[in-house]
Amino acid sequence: MPVFEYTAVDARGRTRQGILSAESAQAARQLLRAKRLYVSAIAEARGAAAPAASGSGERQPLFSRRVSRTQLLTATQVLSTLLEAGLPLDKALTSLIEQMRPGRAKWVYSHILERIREGQDFSSALAAYPGVFPPTYISMVRSAEATGMLPIVLANLAEYMERQMALARTLQAALAYPAFMFLFGIVVLALLLAYVIPEVTRIFVDLKRSLPLPTVILIAVSDFFRTWWPALLGGFAGLLLAGVHLARTTRGRAVLDRLTLALPVVGPIAVNAATARLCRTLGTCLLQGVTMLSALRIAGSVSGNTVFEQAMERIRDEASQGGGLTDPMREADVFPPIVIQLVSAGEQSGRLGELLVNLARMLEADVSTRIRAASALFEPIMILLLGGMVGLMVLAVLLPIFEMSSLIG
């Protein structure tokens, strides 16, 4: 059934905007008039073709795959609140859609509403948009439908997404200033080598006197940079593109992930961050009734590191044969010791999901602390490095001046 977006005026003269489903625009106008709304504009939503069954291969427009995580978090929070207030799912979705601005998220949720009205489960309707809703989201909603705890599960999902986004924001904020300093320093050094140094050292070259070794090296580096800067720039771009291509291949990503885990400062942060995502996802899924095998599969996919993904595959194979999690985790040799200890305690006490969520909170706090410490250490190192390079350039320029002044004296 087509979906229409409308602008109307109610009996009190207030402008109302919303979305509704109808057989045609005329039928939509009649439905709005029945609600005492006077239509000023109505149009079929972009791409709002009648949704097909989940297995029919409905073609989704590109923009429907680009709902931001912030929009998804807000929609989940609103939907959880409406359901807790006692509204049926279709009424809650209708209220949610009416609050949304026209765009990608509204298009997706309006089609989800139509699928539900046609008799599909909420989880099946979500699964039709894998680019919008991650596997964790769909699996937990499917479990909630089976247990009748959809409002509680959606609230837990909102908390889960909020914590994941907070961790990502912490990492971005910590890297922003050092990255700016690095790029600014590269630009300053390039300008010095390309324009400032040649003008200053031209005087020394014209005098045709022997120059100190640092000055000779600086002039040679400056000449090389001015002559070959297009090749250097092209080579840097080529290396960057090759690195991006390598990271997109399975083998290349595995090599980069192993290298990241082996780095001195970055490695422990990457280990704890991947472990925190894995533990929070696994614990949240188990607490919401998702089966162990499904939870292990989902947790491995969100770890963000192929080393942990491969480890989770081996753990899932052991679990599918009736084994526990502790021994294969210990054999994987990638998890911190505290994770193995708490998993063992959780399996023995039957509180695995709860302990994993608590462990995730602890690891997330540790990651935030390590990121701030690394950022605080990296900033002065970057300043000293750039200052040292500029200082060497200044020294190489001043040495010939000191020699000439001593000769004059």
Protein backbone atom coordinates (compact mmCIF):
# COMPACT_ATOMS: atom_id res chain seq x y z
CA MET A 1 0.00 0.00 0.00
CA PRO A 2 1.44 3.43 -0.91
CA VAL A 3 2.69 5.74 1.84
CA PHE A 4 1.81 9.46 1.68
CA GLU A 5 3.38 12.43 3.42
CA TYR A 6 0.97 15.27 4.13
CA THR A 7 0.72 18.79 5.48
CA ALA A 8 -2.67 19.75 6.89
CA VAL A 9 -4.42 22.23 9.16
CA ASP A 10 -6.50 21.04 12.12
CA ALA A 11 -9.69 22.58 13.53
CA ARG A 12 -7.67 24.98 15.69
CA GLY A 13 -5.68 26.29 12.75
CA ARG A 14 -2.45 24.51 13.67
CA THR A 15 -0.26 23.01 10.96
CA ARG A 16 0.12 19.26 11.18
CA GLN A 17 2.58 17.10 9.26
CA GLY A 18 2.63 13.34 9.10
CA ILE A 19 2.52 10.16 7.10
CA LEU A 20 -0.21 7.64 6.43
CA SER A 21 -0.99 4.69 4.18
CA ALA A 22 -3.84 4.68 1.70
CA GLU A 23 -4.82 3.15 -1.62
CA SER A 24 -4.53 6.50 -3.38
CA ALA A 25 -4.05 10.20 -2.74
CA GLN A 26 -7.84 10.69 -2.84
CA ALA A 27 -8.33 7.96 -0.25
CA ALA A 28 -5.62 9.60 1.90
CA ARG A 29 -7.46 12.94 1.70
CA GLN A 30 -10.69 11.24 2.80
CA LEU A 31 -8.96 9.63 5.77
CA LEU A 32 -7.52 12.98 6.81
CA ARG A 33 -10.88 14.73 6.45
CA ALA A 34 -12.39 12.07 8.70
CA LYS A 35 -9.84 13.17 11.32
CA ARG A 36 -10.92 16.80 10.80
CA LEU A 37 -7.68 17.69 9.07
CA TYR A 38 -7.77 19.95 6.03
CA VAL A 39 -5.04 19.00 3.56
CA SER A 40 -2.82 21.72 2.12
CA ALA A 41 -0.27 19.41 0.50
CA ILE A 42 0.00 15.65 0.03
CA ALA A 43 2.44 13.55 -1.96
CA GLU A 44 3.56 9.95 -2.12
CA ALA A 45 6.76 9.39 -0.16
CA ARG A 46 9.85 9.00 -2.33
CA GLY A 47 10.45 5.38 -3.18
CA ALA A 48 7.38 4.39 -1.16
CA ALA A 49 6.39 1.47 -3.29
CA ALA A 50 4.27 -1.18 -1.72
CA PRO A 51 6.51 -3.35 0.42
CA ALA A 52 6.92 -6.93 -0.61
CA ALA A 53 7.29 -9.96 1.57
CA SER A 54 10.63 -10.28 3.30
CA GLY A 55 11.90 -12.87 0.89
CA SER A 56 10.70 -11.28 -2.31
CA GLY A 57 13.82 -9.19 -2.88
CA GLU A 58 12.24 -5.74 -2.62
CA ARG A 59 14.55 -3.18 -4.11
CA GLN A 60 15.44 -0.59 -1.52
CA PRO A 61 16.58 2.89 -2.53
CA LEU A 62 20.13 3.72 -1.63
CA PHE A 63 19.26 6.37 0.95
CA SER A 64 17.23 3.86 3.01
CA ARG A 65 20.52 2.17 3.93
CA ARG A 66 22.02 5.32 5.45
CA VAL A 67 20.10 5.93 8.63
CA SER A 68 22.61 7.29 11.14
CA ARG A 69 23.25 5.56 14.46
CA THR A 70 22.01 8.69 16.24
CA GLN A 71 18.69 8.51 14.40
CA LEU A 72 18.40 4.81 15.19
CA LEU A 73 19.16 5.44 18.88
CA THR A 74 16.55 8.22 19.10
CA ALA A 75 13.92 6.11 17.34
CA THR A 76 14.60 3.17 19.65
CA GLN A 77 14.29 5.35 22.76
CA VAL A 78 11.02 6.91 21.59
CA LEU A 79 9.56 3.57 20.54
CA SER A 80 10.49 2.00 23.89
CA THR A 81 8.81 4.87 25.78
CA LEU A 82 5.62 4.62 23.69
CA LEU A 83 5.39 0.86 24.16
CA GLU A 84 5.96 1.18 27.91
CA ALA A 85 3.06 3.66 27.95
CA GLY A 86 0.79 0.87 26.70
CA LEU A 87 0.45 1.72 23.00
CA PRO A 88 0.23 -1.18 20.54
CA LEU A 89 3.20 -1.56 18.23
CA ASP A 90 1.46 -0.16 15.13
CA LYS A 91 0.17 2.89 17.06
CA ALA A 92 3.62 3.45 18.57
CA LEU A 93 5.24 3.29 15.12
CA THR A 94 2.65 5.69 13.73
CA SER A 95 3.38 8.20 16.52
CA LEU A 96 7.12 7.76 15.96
CA ILE A 97 6.80 8.36 12.22
CA GLU A 98 4.70 11.49 12.74
CA GLN A 99 7.51 12.99 14.86
CA MET A 100 10.18 12.32 12.24
CA ARG A 101 11.29 14.77 9.61
CA PRO A 102 10.97 13.63 5.99
CA GLY A 103 14.02 11.64 5.00
CA ARG A 104 15.73 8.29 5.19
CA ALA A 105 14.67 7.21 8.66
CA LYS A 106 11.04 8.16 8.07
CA TRP A 107 10.97 6.21 4.82
CA VAL A 108 12.35 3.09 6.52
CA TYR A 109 10.02 3.18 9.51
CA SER A 110 6.97 3.89 7.34
CA HIS A 111 7.71 0.75 5.31
CA ILE A 112 8.28 -1.24 8.49
CA LEU A 113 4.83 -0.11 9.66
CA GLU A 114 3.30 -1.27 6.39
CA ARG A 115 4.96 -4.68 6.72
CA ILE A 116 3.57 -5.05 10.23
CA ARG A 117 0.08 -4.12 9.03
CA GLU A 118 0.40 -6.82 6.38
CA GLY A 119 1.02 -9.39 9.12
CA GLN A 120 4.80 -9.61 9.40
CA ASP A 121 6.60 -9.78 12.74
CA PHE A 122 8.50 -6.71 13.87
CA SER A 123 11.83 -8.56 13.67
CA SER A 124 11.08 -9.77 10.13
CA ALA A 125 10.23 -6.23 9.07
CA LEU A 126 13.52 -4.98 10.55
CA ALA A 127 15.47 -7.77 8.85
CA ALA A 128 14.38 -6.41 5.46
CA TYR A 129 16.73 -3.47 6.06
CA PRO A 130 20.08 -5.02 7.10
CA GLY A 131 21.94 -1.83 6.22
CA VAL A 132 19.97 0.04 8.87
CA PHE A 133 19.47 -2.47 11.69
CA PRO A 134 22.52 -4.50 12.82
CA PRO A 135 22.21 -8.25 13.54
CA THR A 136 22.34 -7.56 17.30
CA TYR A 137 19.27 -5.36 17.04
CA ILE A 138 17.25 -7.83 14.98
CA SER A 139 18.14 -10.87 17.12
CA MET A 140 17.23 -9.13 20.36
CA VAL A 141 13.91 -7.92 18.96
CA ARG A 142 13.14 -11.44 17.74
CA SER A 143 13.85 -12.78 21.21
CA ALA A 144 11.71 -10.04 22.77
CA GLU A 145 8.75 -10.98 20.55
CA ALA A 146 8.98 -14.56 21.81
CA THR A 147 9.04 -13.48 25.47
CA GLY A 148 6.67 -10.49 25.27
CA MET A 149 9.31 -8.09 26.65
CA LEU A 150 9.69 -5.76 23.67
CA PRO A 151 9.58 -2.44 25.62
CA ILE A 152 12.27 -3.63 28.07
CA VAL A 153 14.46 -5.05 25.31
CA LEU A 154 14.23 -1.84 23.27
CA ALA A 155 15.25 0.17 26.34
CA ASN A 156 18.25 -2.13 26.83
CA LEU A 157 19.10 -1.81 23.15
CA ALA A 158 19.04 1.97 23.44
CA GLU A 159 21.42 1.81 26.42
CA TYR A 160 23.68 -0.60 24.50
CA MET A 161 23.87 1.68 21.45
CA GLU A 162 24.38 4.77 23.62
CA ARG A 163 27.40 3.23 25.36
CA GLN A 164 28.89 2.08 22.05
CA MET A 165 28.49 5.57 20.59
CA ALA A 166 29.99 7.16 23.72
CA LEU A 167 33.08 4.97 23.40
CA ALA A 168 33.43 5.88 19.72
CA ARG A 169 33.08 9.60 20.53
CA THR A 170 35.79 9.31 23.18
CA LEU A 171 38.17 7.79 20.65
CA GLN A 172 37.37 10.42 18.01
CA ALA A 173 37.83 13.28 20.47
CA ALA A 174 41.17 11.90 21.64
CA LEU A 175 42.49 11.52 18.08
CA ALA A 176 41.23 14.84 16.70
CA TYR A 177 43.87 17.15 18.20
CA PRO A 178 46.93 14.92 17.53
CA ALA A 179 45.76 14.37 13.96
CA PHE A 180 45.37 18.12 13.45
CA MET A 181 48.82 18.74 14.92
CA PHE A 182 50.38 16.11 12.65
CA LEU A 183 48.79 17.48 9.47
CA PHE A 184 49.57 21.08 10.44
CA GLY A 185 53.19 20.14 11.12
CA ILE A 186 53.52 18.38 7.76
CA VAL A 187 52.16 21.45 5.96
CA VAL A 188 54.54 23.79 7.83
CA LEU A 189 57.58 21.60 7.07
CA ALA A 190 56.59 21.34 3.41
CA LEU A 191 56.27 25.14 3.10
CA LEU A 192 59.64 25.63 4.79
CA LEU A 193 61.38 23.17 2.49
CA ALA A 194 59.69 24.37 -0.69
CA TYR A 195 59.79 28.17 -0.28
CA VAL A 196 61.54 29.52 2.82
CA ILE A 197 64.73 27.43 2.93
CA PRO A 198 65.65 27.89 -0.79
CA GLU A 199 65.36 31.69 -0.52
CA VAL A 200 67.51 31.83 2.62
CA THR A 201 70.20 29.39 1.48
CA ARG A 202 70.54 30.99 -1.96
CA ILE A 203 72.81 33.62 -0.39
CA PHE A 204 75.18 30.95 0.91
CA VAL A 205 75.31 29.19 -2.47
CA ASP A 206 76.09 32.46 -4.29
CA LEU A 207 79.06 33.09 -1.99
CA LYS A 208 80.61 29.81 -3.25
CA ARG A 209 82.10 29.00 0.12
CA SER A 210 82.27 25.65 1.80
CA LEU A 211 79.21 25.14 3.97
CA PRO A 212 78.68 23.12 7.17
CA LEU A 213 77.40 19.57 6.72
CA PRO A 214 73.93 20.29 8.23
CA THR A 215 73.46 23.16 5.76
CA VAL A 216 74.54 21.00 2.81
CA ILE A 217 72.09 18.29 3.85
CA LEU A 218 69.27 20.82 4.27
CA ILE A 219 69.90 22.32 0.82
CA ALA A 220 69.97 18.85 -0.75
CA VAL A 221 66.71 17.86 0.96
CA SER A 222 65.07 21.12 -0.10
CA ASP A 223 66.19 20.72 -3.73
CA PHE A 224 64.99 17.11 -3.77
CA PHE A 225 61.61 18.11 -2.34
CA ARG A 226 61.14 20.96 -4.83
CA THR A 227 62.12 18.77 -7.79
CA TRP A 228 60.26 15.62 -6.92
CA TRP A 229 57.25 16.87 -4.95
CA PRO A 230 54.72 15.67 -7.60
CA ALA A 231 56.22 12.17 -7.45
CA LEU A 232 56.29 12.25 -3.64
CA LEU A 233 52.67 13.38 -3.51
CA GLY A 234 51.64 10.73 -6.03
CA GLY A 235 53.56 8.05 -4.14
CA PHE A 236 51.89 9.02 -0.87
CA ALA A 237 48.46 8.90 -2.52
CA GLY A 238 49.32 5.54 -4.06
CA LEU A 239 50.40 4.13 -0.71
CA LEU A 240 47.21 5.44 0.87
CA LEU A 241 45.02 3.84 -1.81
CA ALA A 242 46.99 0.59 -1.57
CA GLY A 243 46.49 0.58 2.20
CA VAL A 244 42.75 1.16 1.82
CA HIS A 245 42.53 -1.63 -0.77
CA LEU A 246 44.57 -3.94 1.45
CA ALA A 247 42.31 -3.23 4.43
CA ARG A 248 39.28 -4.26 2.34
CA THR A 249 40.67 -7.71 1.59
CA THR A 250 40.27 -10.52 4.10
CA ARG A 251 43.96 -11.34 4.28
CA GLY A 252 45.04 -7.69 4.39
CA ARG A 253 42.58 -6.85 7.13
CA ALA A 254 43.81 -9.82 9.17
CA VAL A 255 47.42 -8.64 8.84
CA LEU A 256 46.51 -5.08 9.83
CA ASP A 257 44.46 -6.29 12.80
CA ARG A 258 47.30 -8.48 14.07
CA LEU A 259 49.74 -5.60 13.63
CA THR A 260 47.42 -3.28 15.56
CA LEU A 261 47.20 -5.71 18.48
CA ALA A 262 51.00 -6.01 18.58
CA LEU A 263 51.72 -2.27 18.80
CA PRO A 264 53.06 -1.10 22.19
CA VAL A 265 50.51 1.58 23.19
CA VAL A 266 47.71 1.06 20.68
CA GLY A 267 47.64 -2.73 21.13
CA PRO A 268 46.26 -2.89 24.71
CA ILE A 269 43.65 -0.25 23.82
CA ALA A 270 42.55 -2.24 20.75
CA VAL A 271 42.38 -5.49 22.76
CA ASN A 272 40.25 -3.96 25.51
CA ALA A 273 38.00 -2.10 23.06
CA ALA A 274 37.29 -5.24 21.01
CA THR A 275 36.78 -7.29 24.17
CA ALA A 276 34.40 -4.67 25.59
CA ARG A 277 32.27 -4.66 22.43
CA LEU A 278 32.25 -8.43 22.38
CA CYS A 279 31.36 -8.81 26.09
CA ARG A 280 28.61 -6.17 26.00
CA THR A 281 27.02 -7.67 22.91
CA LEU A 282 27.26 -11.25 24.17
CA GLY A 283 26.03 -10.35 27.67
CA THR A 284 23.14 -8.20 26.41
CA CYS A 285 22.00 -10.89 23.98
CA LEU A 286 22.09 -13.58 26.68
CA LEU A 287 20.16 -11.38 29.13
CA GLN A 288 17.45 -10.82 26.50
CA GLY A 289 17.00 -14.52 25.80
CA VAL A 290 19.03 -14.94 22.60
CA THR A 291 20.42 -18.46 22.27
CA MET A 292 24.10 -18.98 23.07
CA LEU A 293 25.11 -19.92 19.51
CA SER A 294 23.32 -16.92 17.99
CA ALA A 295 24.77 -14.63 20.65
CA LEU A 296 28.31 -15.91 19.95
CA ARG A 297 27.85 -15.37 16.21
CA ILE A 298 26.59 -11.81 16.72
CA ALA A 299 29.29 -10.95 19.26
CA GLY A 300 32.04 -12.12 16.92
CA SER A 301 30.70 -9.98 14.09
CA VAL A 302 30.71 -6.75 16.15
CA SER A 303 34.18 -7.14 17.68
CA GLY A 304 35.73 -5.10 14.84
CA ASN A 305 38.87 -7.25 14.69
CA THR A 306 39.42 -10.37 12.59
CA VAL A 307 41.58 -11.97 15.29
CA PHE A 308 38.65 -11.88 17.71
CA GLU A 309 36.21 -12.92 14.97
CA GLN A 310 38.26 -16.04 14.25
CA ALA A 311 38.55 -16.77 17.98
CA MET A 312 34.76 -16.47 18.39
CA GLU A 313 34.22 -18.86 15.48
CA ARG A 314 36.34 -21.49 17.23
CA ILE A 315 34.51 -20.84 20.51
CA ARG A 316 31.16 -21.19 18.75
CA ASP A 317 32.26 -24.51 17.23
CA GLU A 318 33.13 -25.77 20.72
CA ALA A 319 29.81 -24.53 22.11
CA SER A 320 27.86 -26.20 19.30
CA GLN A 321 29.38 -29.53 20.39
CA GLY A 322 28.30 -29.01 23.99
CA GLY A 323 31.52 -27.50 25.33
CA GLY A 324 31.88 -24.42 27.52
CA LEU A 325 33.42 -21.06 26.75
CA THR A 326 36.29 -20.94 29.25
CA ASP A 327 38.71 -23.46 27.70
CA PRO A 328 38.44 -22.27 24.06
CA MET A 329 38.79 -18.65 25.25
CA ARG A 330 41.98 -19.56 27.10
CA GLU A 331 43.31 -21.43 24.05
CA ALA A 332 42.60 -18.45 21.78
CA ASP A 333 45.27 -16.47 23.67
CA VAL A 334 43.74 -13.08 22.80
CA PHE A 335 41.43 -12.40 25.74
CA PRO A 336 42.66 -10.67 28.92
CA PRO A 337 42.92 -13.04 31.92
CA ILE A 338 40.09 -11.28 33.77
CA VAL A 339 37.70 -12.11 30.93
CA ILE A 340 38.47 -15.82 31.19
CA GLN A 341 38.11 -15.75 34.98
CA LEU A 342 34.73 -13.99 34.89
CA VAL A 343 33.42 -16.21 32.08
CA SER A 344 34.37 -19.26 34.14
CA ALA A 345 32.62 -17.78 37.19
CA GLY A 346 29.57 -16.89 35.10
CA GLU A 347 29.25 -20.38 33.66
CA GLN A 348 29.46 -21.92 37.11
CA SER A 349 26.97 -19.50 38.70
CA GLY A 350 24.56 -19.21 35.78
CA ARG A 351 25.02 -15.40 35.69
CA LEU A 352 27.15 -15.22 32.54
CA GLY A 353 25.15 -12.48 30.84
CA GLU A 354 25.15 -10.21 33.89
CA LEU A 355 28.86 -10.66 34.55
CA LEU A 356 29.73 -9.99 30.90
CA VAL A 357 27.80 -6.69 30.89
CA ASN A 358 29.53 -5.60 34.11
CA LEU A 359 32.89 -6.59 32.62
CA ALA A 360 32.12 -4.56 29.50
CA ARG A 361 31.49 -1.47 31.63
CA MET A 362 34.83 -1.95 33.36
CA LEU A 363 36.71 -2.47 30.09
CA GLU A 364 35.04 0.57 28.48
CA ALA A 365 36.14 2.73 31.41
CA ASP A 366 39.67 1.32 31.09
CA VAL A 367 39.70 2.06 27.34
CA SER A 368 38.60 5.65 27.94
CA THR A 369 41.32 6.10 30.57
CA ARG A 370 44.01 4.60 28.32
CA ILE A 371 42.92 6.75 25.37
CA ARG A 372 43.12 9.94 27.41
CA ALA A 373 46.52 8.92 28.79
CA ALA A 374 47.86 8.06 25.33
CA SER A 375 46.52 11.33 23.93
CA ALA A 376 48.13 13.31 26.75
CA LEU A 377 51.45 11.53 26.04
CA PHE A 378 51.23 11.79 22.28
CA GLU A 379 50.63 15.55 22.14
CA PRO A 380 53.94 16.64 23.74
CA ILE A 381 55.83 14.01 21.75
CA MET A 382 54.35 15.41 18.53
CA ILE A 383 55.20 18.97 19.56
CA LEU A 384 58.78 18.00 20.48
CA LEU A 385 59.25 16.09 17.21
CA LEU A 386 58.00 18.93 15.02
CA GLY A 387 59.87 21.50 17.11
CA GLY A 388 63.06 19.46 16.81
CA MET A 389 62.78 19.27 13.02
CA VAL A 390 62.18 23.01 12.74
CA GLY A 391 65.05 23.61 15.17
CA LEU A 392 67.42 21.55 13.01
CA MET A 393 66.43 23.63 9.98
CA VAL A 394 67.09 26.87 11.85
CA LEU A 395 70.44 25.56 13.08
CA ALA A 396 71.45 24.56 9.56
CA VAL A 397 70.67 28.12 8.39
CA LEU A 398 72.41 29.86 11.28
CA LEU A 399 75.69 27.87 11.18
CA PRO A 400 76.98 29.53 7.97
CA ILE A 401 75.99 32.94 9.35
CA PHE A 402 78.00 32.29 12.52
CA GLU A 403 81.01 31.20 10.43
CA MET A 404 80.88 34.30 8.24
CA SER A 405 80.52 36.61 11.25
CA SER A 406 83.57 34.98 12.88
CA LEU A 407 85.61 35.50 9.71
CA ILE A 408 84.59 39.14 9.54
CA GLY A 409 85.50 39.63 13.18
